[in-house]
Amino acid sequence: MSLGTDSCAALRAYMHSIGIKSLAHLKDPATVLARIIDEQDALRKPPRKKRVSTTAFTPPTPSEVEEYAKEIGYTINGQDWCDTYETKGWKTSGSTKMVSWKAALRKWKANGWTIGSNTAAPSRAQNASLGSLQFELNRIEKEMTDILYPGGCAWKTIPEGEKLVRFNELKATREGLLARIDEFSA
């Protein structure tokens, strides 16, 4: 095998970069040289192209949404559902592009979501057991006590401003939780 002057210089530079100072100490320098040339050829090959999905997502029409909803036993306004995702750029959450609108609609049905409702999973207080309701009630009562007795002081203070607003919110939430706990008890 014969290499030109430029090739020899390039080969020496490459060998030096990988820690081979000379081919003289190797038992089979021709094999090593061939391997180095093969590696260089492999580096020159163009990289593989990524597979591109051949099926691009196509947004459904409102009538398609309503038809499929009927098939799966779900009632929803197709136009409102499409508008909801149209405003999000047909993304399911964050920056995740929708792949299957039918799967998204099945998820809506499974979670009991409707247009205009919070599409997040129900909170603990909305979909709760008696124990979790009591836990939430204790948390709210502790926060109310902290507002009335700041820093654990022995005498009651009258909340003002933002603390009064927060206290009244907690009080209303507490009343709702007590009613739900009573429903469990009945």
C-alpha atoms as a PDB file:
ATOM      1  CA  MET A   1       0.000   0.000   0.000  1.00  0.00           C
ATOM      2  CA  SER A   2       1.397   3.369  -0.982  1.00  0.00           C
ATOM      3  CA  LEU A   3       0.359   6.672   0.528  1.00  0.00           C
ATOM      4  CA  GLY A   4       1.123  10.162  -0.764  1.00  0.00           C
ATOM      5  CA  THR A   5       3.127  12.701   1.277  1.00  0.00           C
ATOM      6  CA  ASP A   6      -0.028  14.496   2.458  1.00  0.00           C
ATOM      7  CA  SER A   7      -1.641  11.206   3.485  1.00  0.00           C
ATOM      8  CA  CYS A   8       1.468  10.150   5.439  1.00  0.00           C
ATOM      9  CA  ALA A   9       1.577  13.451   7.296  1.00  0.00           C
ATOM     10  CA  ALA A  10      -2.135  13.225   8.076  1.00  0.00           C
ATOM     11  CA  LEU A  11      -1.695   9.630   9.230  1.00  0.00           C
ATOM     12  CA  ARG A  12       1.221  10.559  11.509  1.00  0.00           C
ATOM     13  CA  ALA A  13      -0.821  13.419  13.000  1.00  0.00           C
ATOM     14  CA  TYR A  14      -3.778  11.110  13.577  1.00  0.00           C
ATOM     15  CA  MET A  15      -1.601   8.381  15.117  1.00  0.00           C
ATOM     16  CA  HIS A  16       0.013  10.930  17.410  1.00  0.00           C
ATOM     17  CA  SER A  17      -3.443  12.215  18.480  1.00  0.00           C
ATOM     18  CA  ILE A  18      -4.475   8.704  19.565  1.00  0.00           C
ATOM     19  CA  GLY A  19      -1.174   7.966  21.272  1.00  0.00           C
ATOM     20  CA  ILE A  20       0.656   5.850  18.652  1.00  0.00           C
ATOM     21  CA  LYS A  21       4.135   7.290  18.154  1.00  0.00           C
ATOM     22  CA  SER A  22       5.418   4.724  15.670  1.00  0.00           C
ATOM     23  CA  LEU A  23       4.276   1.589  13.852  1.00  0.00           C
ATOM     24  CA  ALA A  24       7.704  -0.043  14.334  1.00  0.00           C
ATOM     25  CA  HIS A  25       6.880  -1.600  17.716  1.00  0.00           C
ATOM     26  CA  LEU A  26       3.642  -3.203  16.460  1.00  0.00           C
ATOM     27  CA  LYS A  27       3.674  -6.848  15.322  1.00  0.00           C
ATOM     28  CA  ASP A  28       1.381  -6.208  12.361  1.00  0.00           C
ATOM     29  CA  PRO A  29       1.638  -2.553  11.323  1.00  0.00           C
ATOM     30  CA  ALA A  30      -0.246  -3.117   8.037  1.00  0.00           C
ATOM     31  CA  THR A  31      -3.372  -4.311   9.897  1.00  0.00           C
ATOM     32  CA  VAL A  32      -3.256  -1.357  12.283  1.00  0.00           C
ATOM     33  CA  LEU A  33      -2.731   1.021   9.377  1.00  0.00           C
ATOM     34  CA  ALA A  34      -5.685  -0.516   7.507  1.00  0.00           C
ATOM     35  CA  ARG A  35      -7.867  -0.184  10.629  1.00  0.00           C
ATOM     36  CA  ILE A  36      -6.931   3.478  10.991  1.00  0.00           C
ATOM     37  CA  ILE A  37      -7.751   4.134   7.330  1.00  0.00           C
ATOM     38  CA  ASP A  38     -11.108   2.325   7.725  1.00  0.00           C
ATOM     39  CA  GLU A  39     -11.920   4.439  10.784  1.00  0.00           C
ATOM     40  CA  GLN A  40     -11.088   7.595   8.846  1.00  0.00           C
ATOM     41  CA  ASP A  41     -13.318   6.460   5.956  1.00  0.00           C
ATOM     42  CA  ALA A  42     -16.152   5.796   8.414  1.00  0.00           C
ATOM     43  CA  LEU A  43     -15.775   9.322   9.759  1.00  0.00           C
ATOM     44  CA  ARG A  44     -16.079  10.720   6.232  1.00  0.00           C
ATOM     45  CA  LYS A  45     -19.402   8.924   5.571  1.00  0.00           C
ATOM     46  CA  PRO A  46     -22.444  11.163   5.874  1.00  0.00           C
ATOM     47  CA  PRO A  47     -24.378  10.624   9.114  1.00  0.00           C
ATOM     48  CA  ARG A  48     -27.581   8.625   9.005  1.00  0.00           C
ATOM     49  CA  LYS A  49     -30.669  10.697   8.576  1.00  0.00           C
ATOM     50  CA  LYS A  50     -33.222  10.541  11.342  1.00  0.00           C
ATOM     51  CA  ARG A  51     -36.444   8.797  10.499  1.00  0.00           C
ATOM     52  CA  VAL A  52     -39.148  11.323   9.972  1.00  0.00           C
ATOM     53  CA  SER A  53     -42.684  10.333  10.770  1.00  0.00           C
ATOM     54  CA  THR A  54     -44.600   9.952   7.550  1.00  0.00           C
ATOM     55  CA  THR A  55     -47.943  10.559   9.226  1.00  0.00           C
ATOM     56  CA  ALA A  56     -48.278  14.147  10.336  1.00  0.00           C
ATOM     57  CA  PHE A  57     -50.945  15.028  12.876  1.00  0.00           C
ATOM     58  CA  THR A  58     -54.121  16.351  11.298  1.00  0.00           C
ATOM     59  CA  PRO A  59     -56.517  18.185  13.613  1.00  0.00           C
ATOM     60  CA  PRO A  60     -60.038  16.741  13.610  1.00  0.00           C
ATOM     61  CA  THR A  61     -63.153  18.586  12.608  1.00  0.00           C
ATOM     62  CA  PRO A  62     -65.741  19.307  15.305  1.00  0.00           C
ATOM     63  CA  SER A  63     -68.112  16.775  13.715  1.00  0.00           C
ATOM     64  CA  GLU A  64     -65.383  14.071  13.820  1.00  0.00           C
ATOM     65  CA  VAL A  65     -64.887  14.797  17.518  1.00  0.00           C
ATOM     66  CA  GLU A  66     -68.619  14.515  18.234  1.00  0.00           C
ATOM     67  CA  GLU A  67     -68.918  11.283  16.195  1.00  0.00           C
ATOM     68  CA  TYR A  68     -66.017   9.641  18.013  1.00  0.00           C
ATOM     69  CA  ALA A  69     -67.311  10.878  21.365  1.00  0.00           C
ATOM     70  CA  LYS A  70     -70.631   9.125  20.642  1.00  0.00           C
ATOM     71  CA  GLU A  71     -68.753   5.923  19.728  1.00  0.00           C
ATOM     72  CA  ILE A  72     -67.023   5.882  23.113  1.00  0.00           C
ATOM     73  CA  GLY A  73     -70.142   6.977  25.045  1.00  0.00           C
ATOM     74  CA  TYR A  74     -69.043  10.515  25.832  1.00  0.00           C
ATOM     75  CA  THR A  75     -70.918  13.754  25.291  1.00  0.00           C
ATOM     76  CA  ILE A  76     -68.962  16.845  24.352  1.00  0.00           C
ATOM     77  CA  ASN A  77     -69.313  19.889  22.104  1.00  0.00           C
ATOM     78  CA  GLY A  78     -66.888  19.204  19.244  1.00  0.00           C
ATOM     79  CA  GLN A  79     -66.404  22.867  18.339  1.00  0.00           C
ATOM     80  CA  ASP A  80     -65.534  23.856  21.900  1.00  0.00           C
ATOM     81  CA  TRP A  81     -63.163  20.882  22.246  1.00  0.00           C
ATOM     82  CA  CYS A  82     -61.366  21.758  18.998  1.00  0.00           C
ATOM     83  CA  ASP A  83     -61.182  25.433  20.018  1.00  0.00           C
ATOM     84  CA  THR A  84     -59.606  24.415  23.339  1.00  0.00           C
ATOM     85  CA  TYR A  85     -56.734  22.638  21.588  1.00  0.00           C
ATOM     86  CA  GLU A  86     -56.520  25.140  18.734  1.00  0.00           C
ATOM     87  CA  THR A  87     -55.657  27.842  21.283  1.00  0.00           C
ATOM     88  CA  LYS A  88     -52.874  25.613  22.621  1.00  0.00           C
ATOM     89  CA  GLY A  89     -51.438  24.912  19.165  1.00  0.00           C
ATOM     90  CA  TRP A  90     -52.672  21.297  19.394  1.00  0.00           C
ATOM     91  CA  LYS A  91     -50.356  20.570  22.310  1.00  0.00           C
ATOM     92  CA  THR A  92     -51.439  18.298  25.135  1.00  0.00           C
ATOM     93  CA  SER A  93     -49.308  19.683  27.940  1.00  0.00           C
ATOM     94  CA  GLY A  94     -46.495  22.152  27.929  1.00  0.00           C
ATOM     95  CA  SER A  95     -44.689  21.646  24.635  1.00  0.00           C
ATOM     96  CA  THR A  96     -45.860  18.078  23.891  1.00  0.00           C
ATOM     97  CA  LYS A  97     -47.456  18.008  20.458  1.00  0.00           C
ATOM     98  CA  MET A  98     -50.667  16.028  20.130  1.00  0.00           C
ATOM     99  CA  VAL A  99     -50.167  12.734  18.321  1.00  0.00           C
ATOM    100  CA  SER A 100     -53.656  11.243  18.558  1.00  0.00           C
ATOM    101  CA  TRP A 101     -56.736  13.366  19.118  1.00  0.00           C
ATOM    102  CA  LYS A 102     -58.766  10.195  19.732  1.00  0.00           C
ATOM    103  CA  ALA A 103     -56.482   9.221  22.607  1.00  0.00           C
ATOM    104  CA  ALA A 104     -56.795  12.762  24.013  1.00  0.00           C
ATOM    105  CA  LEU A 105     -60.591  12.520  23.852  1.00  0.00           C
ATOM    106  CA  ARG A 106     -60.529   9.114  25.603  1.00  0.00           C
ATOM    107  CA  LYS A 107     -58.399  10.705  28.337  1.00  0.00           C
ATOM    108  CA  TRP A 108     -60.953  13.497  28.721  1.00  0.00           C
ATOM    109  CA  LYS A 109     -63.668  10.875  29.165  1.00  0.00           C
ATOM    110  CA  ALA A 110     -61.631   8.821  31.655  1.00  0.00           C
ATOM    111  CA  ASN A 111     -60.876  11.900  33.783  1.00  0.00           C
ATOM    112  CA  GLY A 112     -64.405  13.235  33.595  1.00  0.00           C
ATOM    113  CA  TRP A 113     -63.259  16.530  32.107  1.00  0.00           C
ATOM    114  CA  THR A 114     -65.655  18.926  30.425  1.00  0.00           C
ATOM    115  CA  ILE A 115     -65.232  22.149  28.495  1.00  0.00           C
ATOM    116  CA  GLY A 116     -64.797  25.048  30.887  1.00  0.00           C
ATOM    117  CA  SER A 117     -63.715  22.850  33.771  1.00  0.00           C
ATOM    118  CA  ASN A 118     -60.205  22.769  35.053  1.00  0.00           C
ATOM    119  CA  THR A 119     -58.560  20.139  32.873  1.00  0.00           C
ATOM    120  CA  ALA A 120     -56.138  19.263  35.637  1.00  0.00           C
ATOM    121  CA  ALA A 121     -56.720  16.156  37.689  1.00  0.00           C
ATOM    122  CA  PRO A 122     -59.222  16.641  40.508  1.00  0.00           C
ATOM    123  CA  SER A 123     -57.670  17.932  43.698  1.00  0.00           C
ATOM    124  CA  ARG A 124     -57.502  15.809  46.828  1.00  0.00           C
ATOM    125  CA  ALA A 125     -60.418  17.716  48.345  1.00  0.00           C
ATOM    126  CA  GLN A 126     -62.581  17.140  45.235  1.00  0.00           C
ATOM    127  CA  ASN A 127     -61.930  13.435  44.919  1.00  0.00           C
ATOM    128  CA  ALA A 128     -61.145  12.412  48.435  1.00  0.00           C
ATOM    129  CA  SER A 129     -61.651   9.822  51.078  1.00  0.00           C
ATOM    130  CA  LEU A 130     -62.850  10.695  54.547  1.00  0.00           C
ATOM    131  CA  GLY A 131     -59.288  10.504  55.881  1.00  0.00           C
ATOM    132  CA  SER A 132     -57.913  12.962  53.359  1.00  0.00           C
ATOM    133  CA  LEU A 133     -60.836  15.341  54.004  1.00  0.00           C
ATOM    134  CA  GLN A 134     -60.047  15.268  57.727  1.00  0.00           C
ATOM    135  CA  PHE A 135     -56.358  15.817  56.988  1.00  0.00           C
ATOM    136  CA  GLU A 136     -57.223  18.867  54.846  1.00  0.00           C
ATOM    137  CA  LEU A 137     -59.556  20.142  57.590  1.00  0.00           C
ATOM    138  CA  ASN A 138     -56.737  19.884  60.168  1.00  0.00           C
ATOM    139  CA  ARG A 139     -54.352  21.749  57.854  1.00  0.00           C
ATOM    140  CA  ILE A 140     -56.871  24.564  57.360  1.00  0.00           C
ATOM    141  CA  GLU A 141     -57.653  24.807  61.078  1.00  0.00           C
ATOM    142  CA  LYS A 142     -53.936  24.988  61.880  1.00  0.00           C
ATOM    143  CA  GLU A 143     -53.463  27.837  59.395  1.00  0.00           C
ATOM    144  CA  MET A 144     -56.483  29.648  60.899  1.00  0.00           C
ATOM    145  CA  THR A 145     -55.000  29.227  64.393  1.00  0.00           C
ATOM    146  CA  ASP A 146     -51.646  30.574  63.167  1.00  0.00           C
ATOM    147  CA  ILE A 147     -53.432  33.689  61.873  1.00  0.00           C
ATOM    148  CA  LEU A 148     -55.349  34.225  65.140  1.00  0.00           C
ATOM    149  CA  TYR A 149     -52.379  33.398  67.408  1.00  0.00           C
ATOM    150  CA  PRO A 150     -49.280  34.516  65.450  1.00  0.00           C
ATOM    151  CA  GLY A 151     -46.001  33.001  66.562  1.00  0.00           C
ATOM    152  CA  GLY A 152     -47.863  30.839  69.093  1.00  0.00           C
ATOM    153  CA  CYS A 153     -48.661  33.804  71.300  1.00  0.00           C
ATOM    154  CA  ALA A 154     -51.128  33.218  74.149  1.00  0.00           C
ATOM    155  CA  TRP A 155     -53.690  35.874  73.269  1.00  0.00           C
ATOM    156  CA  LYS A 156     -55.903  36.134  70.239  1.00  0.00           C
ATOM    157  CA  THR A 157     -55.279  38.842  67.638  1.00  0.00           C
ATOM    158  CA  ILE A 158     -57.813  40.256  65.227  1.00  0.00           C
ATOM    159  CA  PRO A 159     -56.647  39.683  61.654  1.00  0.00           C
ATOM    160  CA  GLU A 160     -56.473  42.707  59.363  1.00  0.00           C
ATOM    161  CA  GLY A 161     -55.847  43.311  55.657  1.00  0.00           C
ATOM    162  CA  GLU A 162     -54.516  40.338  53.699  1.00  0.00           C
ATOM    163  CA  LYS A 163     -54.615  38.109  56.777  1.00  0.00           C
ATOM    164  CA  LEU A 164     -58.322  38.855  57.216  1.00  0.00           C
ATOM    165  CA  VAL A 165     -58.998  38.002  53.564  1.00  0.00           C
ATOM    166  CA  ARG A 166     -57.033  34.741  53.887  1.00  0.00           C
ATOM    167  CA  PHE A 167     -58.788  33.908  57.180  1.00  0.00           C
ATOM    168  CA  ASN A 168     -62.212  34.341  55.542  1.00  0.00           C
ATOM    169  CA  GLU A 169     -61.153  32.139  52.583  1.00  0.00           C
ATOM    170  CA  LEU A 170     -60.007  29.433  54.995  1.00  0.00           C
ATOM    171  CA  LYS A 171     -63.228  29.766  56.986  1.00  0.00           C
ATOM    172  CA  ALA A 172     -65.359  29.243  53.842  1.00  0.00           C
ATOM    173  CA  THR A 173     -63.226  26.268  52.756  1.00  0.00           C
ATOM    174  CA  ARG A 174     -63.516  24.811  56.266  1.00  0.00           C
ATOM    175  CA  GLU A 175     -67.330  25.046  56.127  1.00  0.00           C
ATOM    176  CA  GLY A 176     -67.332  23.211  52.777  1.00  0.00           C
ATOM    177  CA  LEU A 177     -65.076  20.476  54.136  1.00  0.00           C
ATOM    178  CA  LEU A 178     -67.261  20.050  57.228  1.00  0.00           C
ATOM    179  CA  ALA A 179     -70.299  19.627  54.962  1.00  0.00           C
ATOM    180  CA  ARG A 180     -68.492  16.993  52.882  1.00  0.00           C
ATOM    181  CA  ILE A 181     -67.369  15.152  56.016  1.00  0.00           C
ATOM    182  CA  ASP A 182     -70.987  15.154  57.196  1.00  0.00           C
ATOM    183  CA  GLU A 183     -71.997  13.591  53.833  1.00  0.00           C
ATOM    184  CA  PHE A 184     -69.509  10.783  54.453  1.00  0.00           C
ATOM    185  CA  SER A 185     -70.905  10.243  57.939  1.00  0.00           C
ATOM    186  CA  ALA A 186     -74.530  10.093  56.744  1.00  0.00           C
END
